[in-house]
Amino acid sequence: MNRVLYIQNVEEAARELNKINVSSQGVKVMAPKAISLAIKLENVKLGAANILKQEMLSIGGDAAVARGVVEGKEKISDVILLGNADKIKKIIRKLKFQTIFDLSEIKVDLEKMLKQILEKSVKILNCNGKEISLNKTRIIGVLNVTPDSFSDGNEFLNPEKAVEHAHRLIDEGADIIDIGGESTRPGAEEISVQTEIQRVIPIIEKLHGKVPISIDTCKAEVAEAAIQAGASIVNDISALRFDKSMINVLKKYKNIPIILMHMQGTSRTMQKNPFYEDTIKEVLFFLKERIDLCISNGISMERILIDAGIGFGKRHSDNLLILKKLREFHCLDVPIVLGASRKSFIGRIYDSTPQERLAGSLAATALAYQHNIHFVRVHDVKEHKQLLQTLEKIGETI
């Protein structure tokens, strides 16, 4: 039966070619030709835009540029290269000796992007000595020890119940437990450092050594106390903006990863008319700036994770667009965390309480798997683990 093949990556392309007994050299040459690409380059100079357009056309691809570029009326344009991985390889070779109009920098960026697509490399996250292989989508189990969190507020404020629940999450398949002592729901009031420490430290001490513990906090003092108690990851929804001392904690503890999240405003103000002209572009720009801040302070890329911040200063349409475009966040070349579990955007899709949003949460995790996202932060670990196991088994099928 004749049919269209839907090929998601170069490994799938190679498998299909091998099935029809293509030579090993033929597989190597032709697999990249099966991967269709649209690569967006921003703020390209007029000369470079025209050269890219001409060179892509010469190899059978194309390049979309702004109106007026060809006539020389626009001095700067975004450019979208249209072709396949093989054609991007060719354009890189053509740019090898081009040094004008910042084309050498564009060549380097294209090489990085192509490497991400074609070379299967597995990142390893070192959580203060405990390593997690990111060869598949991993699970972060949520443990809120607060009286007012949107989903499970007051449910695990008792330390014994919290520890018991954490053990259950670990048994169900959580790779990391993320502990938060302060609610970050829209409109949440800030609590003192001491109150937050009193809530989280007893639990961290009792869980230390089971799986890596992430401390969900924006406060440097809380983060340091948590690390001393056994936490091995810092999850800062402000991306180091709310407490300028947080960067010093990360400098001091050199094997502690940091999750940088995007958010407009603060927990109290983030849902008061959030607005974006280009959601993905603006979120990426923010996260790139925070990554650069970390690197300039001696925090290596290997320690950095990013989170686009579903529900944090986002309109409903922004949340859905981020989920649709998750794969584009790989351009930052650091592990990606998705936190969509039980959030209110699901309740706008179908009327539901947080506890009734399992189906929507699982849908978001399925998208995360499809887009090769490294971590999903979830409340219902057992169900998400079973979903991922099923998807992994399907993915392994030849």
Protein backbone atom coordinates (compact mmCIF):
# COMPACT_ATOMS: atom_id res chain seq x y z
CA MET A 1 0.00 0.00 0.00
CA ASN A 2 1.42 3.38 -1.01
CA ARG A 3 1.43 5.91 1.81
CA VAL A 4 2.95 9.09 3.21
CA LEU A 5 5.58 8.45 5.89
CA TYR A 6 5.44 10.73 8.93
CA ILE A 7 9.02 10.89 10.19
CA GLN A 8 9.75 12.81 13.39
CA ASN A 9 13.54 12.50 13.68
CA VAL A 10 16.65 11.26 11.92
CA GLU A 11 16.57 7.93 13.79
CA GLU A 12 13.10 7.17 12.40
CA ALA A 13 14.28 8.19 8.94
CA ALA A 14 17.24 5.80 9.19
CA ARG A 15 14.97 2.95 10.31
CA GLU A 16 12.65 3.43 7.32
CA LEU A 17 15.60 3.51 4.91
CA ASN A 18 17.09 0.39 6.47
CA LYS A 19 13.76 -1.41 6.04
CA ILE A 20 14.08 -1.12 2.26
CA ASN A 21 17.72 -2.24 2.39
CA VAL A 22 19.39 1.07 1.56
CA SER A 23 23.19 0.94 1.83
CA SER A 24 24.77 2.25 5.03
CA GLN A 25 26.28 5.19 3.13
CA GLY A 26 22.93 5.88 1.51
CA VAL A 27 21.22 5.94 4.93
CA LYS A 28 23.82 8.41 6.21
CA VAL A 29 23.32 10.71 3.22
CA MET A 30 19.55 10.46 2.85
CA ALA A 31 18.24 10.40 6.45
CA PRO A 32 18.82 14.16 6.96
CA LYS A 33 16.87 14.80 3.75
CA ALA A 34 13.74 13.41 5.43
CA ILE A 35 13.75 16.01 8.22
CA SER A 36 11.87 19.12 7.10
CA LEU A 37 12.94 22.32 8.82
CA ALA A 38 11.87 25.94 9.12
CA ILE A 39 14.60 27.87 10.93
CA LYS A 40 13.91 31.44 12.05
CA LEU A 41 16.81 33.90 12.22
CA GLU A 42 16.05 37.24 13.88
CA ASN A 43 17.33 40.74 13.07
CA VAL A 44 19.37 39.75 10.02
CA LYS A 45 21.17 42.52 8.13
CA LEU A 46 19.95 43.33 4.61
CA GLY A 47 23.08 41.97 2.92
CA ALA A 48 22.98 38.72 4.86
CA ALA A 49 19.25 38.27 4.22
CA ASN A 50 19.77 38.58 0.46
CA ILE A 51 22.76 36.23 0.47
CA LEU A 52 20.82 33.63 2.46
CA LYS A 53 17.87 33.96 0.08
CA GLN A 54 20.07 33.47 -3.00
CA GLU A 55 22.10 30.61 -1.54
CA MET A 56 19.03 28.70 -0.32
CA LEU A 57 17.40 29.02 -3.76
CA SER A 58 20.61 27.76 -5.38
CA ILE A 59 20.42 24.46 -3.46
CA GLY A 60 16.70 23.91 -3.93
CA GLY A 61 15.51 25.42 -0.67
CA ASP A 62 14.09 28.86 0.04
CA ALA A 63 14.30 31.71 2.51
CA ALA A 64 11.41 33.94 3.50
CA VAL A 65 12.33 37.59 4.08
CA ALA A 66 10.39 40.78 4.77
CA ARG A 67 8.86 42.77 1.93
CA GLY A 68 11.38 45.28 0.66
CA VAL A 69 14.50 43.26 1.40
CA VAL A 70 15.14 42.21 -2.19
CA GLU A 71 14.72 45.83 -3.34
CA GLY A 72 17.02 47.05 -0.56
CA LYS A 73 14.29 49.04 1.21
CA GLU A 74 14.48 47.15 4.53
CA LYS A 75 17.81 47.26 6.36
CA ILE A 76 16.93 44.53 8.89
CA SER A 77 14.69 41.50 8.50
CA ASP A 78 13.86 38.25 10.20
CA VAL A 79 14.59 35.33 7.89
CA ILE A 80 12.95 31.89 7.81
CA LEU A 81 15.06 29.23 6.10
CA LEU A 82 12.89 26.57 4.43
CA GLY A 83 14.28 23.19 3.47
CA ASN A 84 15.49 20.03 5.16
CA ALA A 85 18.43 19.11 7.35
CA ASP A 86 20.50 18.22 4.30
CA LYS A 87 19.97 21.68 2.80
CA ILE A 88 20.91 23.35 6.09
CA LYS A 89 24.14 21.33 5.97
CA LYS A 90 24.78 22.72 2.50
CA ILE A 91 24.07 26.33 3.46
CA ILE A 92 26.47 25.98 6.39
CA ARG A 93 29.19 24.86 3.97
CA LYS A 94 28.40 27.80 1.69
CA LEU A 95 28.77 30.22 4.62
CA LYS A 96 32.14 28.78 5.63
CA PHE A 97 34.14 31.65 4.14
CA GLN A 98 31.51 34.39 4.52
CA THR A 99 32.55 36.96 7.14
CA ILE A 100 30.46 39.97 6.10
CA PHE A 101 27.05 40.99 7.50
CA ASP A 102 27.50 38.77 10.60
CA LEU A 103 27.15 35.64 8.43
CA SER A 104 29.89 33.87 10.40
CA GLU A 105 27.76 34.18 13.56
CA ILE A 106 24.70 32.90 11.68
CA LYS A 107 26.77 29.92 10.50
CA VAL A 108 27.72 29.06 14.10
CA ASP A 109 24.08 29.23 15.21
CA LEU A 110 22.97 27.02 12.33
CA GLU A 111 25.64 24.48 13.23
CA LYS A 112 24.39 24.38 16.82
CA MET A 113 20.77 23.92 15.74
CA LEU A 114 21.63 21.19 13.25
CA LYS A 115 23.70 19.37 15.85
CA GLN A 116 20.73 19.36 18.23
CA ILE A 117 18.54 17.85 15.51
CA LEU A 118 20.90 15.25 14.04
CA GLU A 119 23.16 14.19 16.90
CA LYS A 120 21.54 12.15 19.64
CA SER A 121 23.28 13.24 22.84
CA VAL A 122 21.98 12.52 26.33
CA LYS A 123 22.35 15.25 28.93
CA ILE A 124 23.27 14.29 32.48
CA LEU A 125 21.99 16.45 35.34
CA ASN A 126 24.29 16.41 38.37
CA CYS A 127 22.20 17.12 41.46
CA ASN A 128 24.93 17.69 44.03
CA GLY A 129 26.53 14.33 43.28
CA LYS A 130 23.42 12.38 42.32
CA GLU A 131 23.15 12.08 38.55
CA ILE A 132 19.96 11.91 36.50
CA SER A 133 20.20 10.77 32.90
CA LEU A 134 17.89 12.81 30.68
CA ASN A 135 17.47 10.03 28.14
CA LYS A 136 13.69 10.25 28.54
CA THR A 137 11.03 12.52 30.06
CA ARG A 138 11.51 12.47 33.83
CA ILE A 139 8.97 13.23 36.56
CA ILE A 140 9.14 15.90 39.24
CA GLY A 141 6.61 15.19 41.98
CA VAL A 142 4.95 18.24 43.55
CA LEU A 143 4.83 18.55 47.34
CA ASN A 144 3.25 21.78 48.57
CA VAL A 145 3.54 22.32 52.33
CA THR A 146 1.33 25.40 52.33
CA PRO A 147 -2.15 26.31 53.58
CA ASP A 148 -3.17 28.06 50.34
CA SER A 149 -1.75 26.39 47.21
CA PHE A 150 -4.31 26.27 44.38
CA SER A 151 -4.42 22.48 44.10
CA ASP A 152 -3.53 20.89 47.42
CA GLY A 153 -3.32 23.74 49.93
CA ASN A 154 -3.40 22.65 53.59
CA GLU A 155 -3.36 18.98 52.56
CA PHE A 156 0.29 18.36 53.47
CA LEU A 157 1.02 21.14 55.95
CA ASN A 158 1.49 18.47 58.61
CA PRO A 159 5.13 17.26 58.30
CA GLU A 160 4.27 13.60 58.85
CA LYS A 161 1.62 13.67 56.13
CA ALA A 162 4.01 15.52 53.83
CA VAL A 163 6.78 12.94 54.28
CA GLU A 164 4.31 10.09 53.83
CA HIS A 165 3.03 11.67 50.60
CA ALA A 166 6.57 12.23 49.32
CA HIS A 167 7.40 8.56 49.86
CA ARG A 168 4.26 7.65 47.93
CA LEU A 169 5.31 9.90 45.04
CA ILE A 170 8.77 8.31 45.00
CA ASP A 171 7.28 4.80 45.02
CA GLU A 172 5.02 5.79 42.12
CA GLY A 173 7.99 6.89 40.03
CA ALA A 174 9.00 10.47 40.85
CA ASP A 175 12.62 11.15 39.89
CA ILE A 176 12.70 14.41 41.90
CA ILE A 177 10.51 15.80 44.69
CA ASP A 178 9.87 19.55 44.46
CA ILE A 179 9.03 21.01 47.88
CA GLY A 180 7.46 24.44 48.23
CA GLY A 181 6.62 26.24 51.45
CA GLU A 182 5.06 29.34 49.93
CA SER A 183 2.10 29.43 47.57
CA THR A 184 2.75 30.96 44.15
CA ARG A 185 -0.87 30.93 43.00
CA PRO A 186 -2.22 34.19 41.51
CA GLY A 187 -2.79 36.73 44.27
CA ALA A 188 -0.82 34.80 46.90
CA GLU A 189 0.54 36.80 49.84
CA GLU A 190 4.25 36.65 50.65
CA ILE A 191 5.32 34.91 53.86
CA SER A 192 8.40 35.43 56.00
CA VAL A 193 11.69 33.60 55.50
CA GLN A 194 11.36 31.98 58.90
CA THR A 195 7.86 30.65 58.23
CA GLU A 196 8.97 29.17 54.93
CA ILE A 197 12.03 27.54 56.51
CA GLN A 198 9.94 26.06 59.33
CA ARG A 199 7.62 24.46 56.78
CA VAL A 200 10.17 22.86 54.46
CA ILE A 201 13.32 21.98 56.43
CA PRO A 202 11.89 19.16 58.61
CA ILE A 203 10.56 17.44 55.50
CA ILE A 204 13.79 17.81 53.51
CA GLU A 205 15.79 16.39 56.39
CA LYS A 206 13.59 13.28 56.52
CA LEU A 207 13.65 12.74 52.74
CA HIS A 208 17.37 13.40 52.24
CA GLY A 209 19.02 10.61 50.25
CA LYS A 210 15.88 9.12 48.68
CA VAL A 211 15.77 11.07 45.41
CA PRO A 212 17.05 14.58 44.59
CA ILE A 213 15.03 17.24 46.41
CA SER A 214 14.20 20.52 44.70
CA ILE A 215 13.43 23.56 46.85
CA ASP A 216 10.78 25.77 45.27
CA THR A 217 11.65 29.22 46.59
CA CYS A 218 12.61 32.75 45.55
CA LYS A 219 14.44 33.48 48.83
CA ALA A 220 18.19 33.01 49.15
CA GLU A 221 18.04 32.24 52.88
CA VAL A 222 15.45 29.53 52.34
CA ALA A 223 17.44 28.05 49.47
CA GLU A 224 20.64 27.90 51.51
CA ALA A 225 18.91 26.37 54.52
CA ALA A 226 17.29 23.79 52.25
CA ILE A 227 20.62 22.90 50.61
CA GLN A 228 22.23 22.46 54.02
CA ALA A 229 19.34 20.18 54.99
CA GLY A 230 19.78 18.03 51.86
CA ALA A 231 18.10 19.75 48.91
CA SER A 232 20.08 19.48 45.69
CA ILE A 233 18.17 21.70 43.21
CA VAL A 234 16.83 25.26 43.45
CA ASN A 235 13.58 26.02 41.62
CA ASP A 236 13.17 29.80 41.46
CA ILE A 237 10.00 31.04 39.74
CA SER A 238 11.51 34.54 39.60
CA ALA A 239 14.62 33.33 37.73
CA LEU A 240 16.86 35.03 40.35
CA ARG A 241 15.07 38.41 40.10
CA PHE A 242 13.27 38.70 43.45
CA ASP A 243 16.24 38.07 45.73
CA LYS A 244 19.56 39.31 44.36
CA SER A 245 21.41 37.16 46.91
CA MET A 246 20.20 33.95 45.27
CA ILE A 247 23.03 34.12 42.74
CA ASN A 248 25.52 34.10 45.62
CA VAL A 249 23.98 30.90 47.00
CA LEU A 250 24.47 29.26 43.61
CA LYS A 251 28.07 30.48 43.48
CA LYS A 252 28.72 29.01 46.92
CA TYR A 253 27.17 25.59 46.22
CA LYS A 254 28.75 24.68 42.90
CA ASN A 255 26.93 21.38 42.26
CA ILE A 256 23.40 22.71 42.72
CA PRO A 257 21.32 23.10 39.52
CA ILE A 258 18.92 26.02 39.12
CA ILE A 259 15.53 26.04 37.38
CA LEU A 260 14.88 29.46 35.84
CA MET A 261 11.21 30.19 35.20
CA HIS A 262 9.56 32.91 33.14
CA MET A 263 6.94 35.06 34.83
CA GLN A 264 5.48 38.48 34.19
CA GLY A 265 5.17 40.48 37.41
CA THR A 266 4.90 38.79 40.81
CA SER A 267 2.56 36.15 42.24
CA ARG A 268 0.26 38.94 43.40
CA THR A 269 0.18 40.81 40.08
CA MET A 270 1.02 38.29 37.34
CA GLN A 271 -2.56 37.71 36.15
CA LYS A 272 -3.53 41.39 36.02
CA ASN A 273 -3.80 41.89 32.26
CA PRO A 274 -0.65 40.08 31.08
CA PHE A 275 0.22 40.95 27.47
CA TYR A 276 2.64 39.76 24.80
CA GLU A 277 3.16 40.85 21.20
CA ASP A 278 5.07 37.65 20.37
CA THR A 279 4.71 35.18 23.25
CA ILE A 280 7.36 32.60 22.33
CA LYS A 281 9.90 35.21 21.24
CA GLU A 282 9.50 37.23 24.46
CA VAL A 283 9.63 34.23 26.79
CA LEU A 284 12.73 32.90 25.00
CA PHE A 285 14.40 36.32 25.15
CA PHE A 286 13.78 36.53 28.90
CA LEU A 287 15.11 33.02 29.56
CA LYS A 288 18.19 33.63 27.37
CA GLU A 289 18.94 36.79 29.36
CA ARG A 290 18.68 34.89 32.66
CA ILE A 291 20.89 32.08 31.34
CA ASP A 292 23.47 34.66 30.28
CA LEU A 293 23.32 36.21 33.77
CA CYS A 294 24.08 32.83 35.32
CA ILE A 295 26.97 32.14 32.96
CA SER A 296 28.48 35.58 33.59
CA ASN A 297 28.45 34.71 37.31
CA GLY A 298 30.28 31.42 36.84
CA ILE A 299 27.24 29.12 36.81
CA SER A 300 27.80 26.62 34.00
CA MET A 301 25.22 25.65 31.39
CA GLU A 302 25.25 22.12 32.84
CA ARG A 303 23.58 23.48 36.00
CA ILE A 304 20.79 25.42 34.29
CA LEU A 305 17.22 24.30 33.50
CA ILE A 306 14.41 26.46 32.14
CA ASP A 307 10.63 26.57 32.60
CA ALA A 308 8.38 28.67 30.33
CA GLY A 309 6.03 29.29 33.27
CA ILE A 310 2.60 28.01 32.26
CA GLY A 311 0.02 30.06 34.18
CA PHE A 312 2.52 32.62 35.45
CA GLY A 313 1.63 35.96 33.89
CA LYS A 314 0.05 34.32 30.84
CA ARG A 315 -3.23 34.65 29.02
CA HIS A 316 -5.14 31.46 28.19
CA SER A 317 -3.96 31.69 24.58
CA ASP A 318 -0.34 32.12 25.74
CA ASN A 319 -0.48 28.90 27.76
CA LEU A 320 -1.87 26.95 24.83
CA LEU A 321 0.68 28.42 22.42
CA ILE A 322 3.58 27.51 24.71
CA LEU A 323 2.32 23.92 24.87
CA LYS A 324 1.99 23.85 21.08
CA LYS A 325 5.50 25.28 20.57
CA LEU A 326 7.36 23.43 23.34
CA ARG A 327 9.95 22.03 20.91
CA GLU A 328 11.14 25.57 20.08
CA PHE A 329 12.52 25.98 23.61
CA HIS A 330 15.29 23.48 22.76
CA CYS A 331 17.11 26.36 21.04
CA LEU A 332 18.35 27.41 24.50
CA ASP A 333 20.25 24.09 24.72
CA VAL A 334 19.46 23.41 28.39
CA PRO A 335 17.04 20.92 29.99
CA ILE A 336 13.39 22.01 29.90
CA VAL A 337 10.83 21.69 32.69
CA LEU A 338 7.08 21.78 32.01
CA GLY A 339 4.74 22.60 34.88
CA ALA A 340 1.16 22.27 33.60
CA SER A 341 -0.36 19.86 36.11
CA ARG A 342 -3.88 20.77 37.31
CA LYS A 343 -3.49 24.42 36.24
CA SER A 344 -6.37 26.75 35.52
CA PHE A 345 -5.91 26.80 31.73
CA ILE A 346 -7.27 23.23 31.78
CA GLY A 347 -10.33 24.47 33.68
CA ARG A 348 -10.97 26.92 30.84
CA ILE A 349 -10.92 24.07 28.33
CA TYR A 350 -13.37 21.97 30.34
CA ASP A 351 -15.09 23.13 33.54
CA SER A 352 -13.27 21.48 36.44
CA THR A 353 -11.73 21.83 39.86
CA PRO A 354 -7.95 21.29 40.16
CA GLN A 355 -8.55 17.71 41.30
CA GLU A 356 -10.66 17.06 38.16
CA ARG A 357 -7.93 18.08 35.71
CA LEU A 358 -6.03 14.82 35.43
CA ALA A 359 -7.04 14.26 31.80
CA GLY A 360 -5.84 17.72 30.76
CA SER A 361 -2.64 17.31 32.77
CA LEU A 362 -1.93 13.99 31.04
CA ALA A 363 -2.52 15.63 27.65
CA ALA A 364 0.14 18.23 28.49
CA THR A 365 2.58 15.49 29.53
CA ALA A 366 1.92 13.62 26.28
CA LEU A 367 2.87 16.80 24.40
CA ALA A 368 5.98 17.12 26.57
CA TYR A 369 7.01 13.59 25.61
CA GLN A 370 6.34 14.27 21.93
CA HIS A 371 8.51 17.41 22.08
CA ASN A 372 11.38 15.69 23.97
CA ILE A 373 10.90 17.77 27.12
CA HIS A 374 13.20 16.63 29.92
CA PHE A 375 10.97 17.06 33.00
CA VAL A 376 7.28 17.30 33.78
CA ARG A 377 6.30 18.68 37.18
CA VAL A 378 3.11 16.88 38.25
CA HIS A 379 0.83 16.12 41.18
CA ASP A 380 -0.45 12.70 40.06
CA VAL A 381 2.82 10.80 39.63
CA LYS A 382 1.41 7.29 39.17
CA GLU A 383 -0.82 8.21 36.24
CA HIS A 384 1.85 10.31 34.53
CA LYS A 385 4.41 7.53 34.98
CA GLN A 386 2.05 5.01 33.36
CA LEU A 387 1.37 7.41 30.49
CA LEU A 388 5.09 7.94 29.85
CA GLN A 389 5.83 4.21 30.07
CA THR A 390 3.18 3.59 27.41
CA LEU A 391 4.53 6.32 25.12
CA GLU A 392 8.09 5.09 25.59
CA LYS A 393 7.10 1.54 24.64
CA ILE A 394 5.35 2.82 21.50
CA GLY A 395 8.43 4.92 20.68
CA GLU A 396 10.71 1.88 20.96
CA THR A 397 8.66 -0.05 18.39
CA ILE A 398 10.50 -0.53 15.11
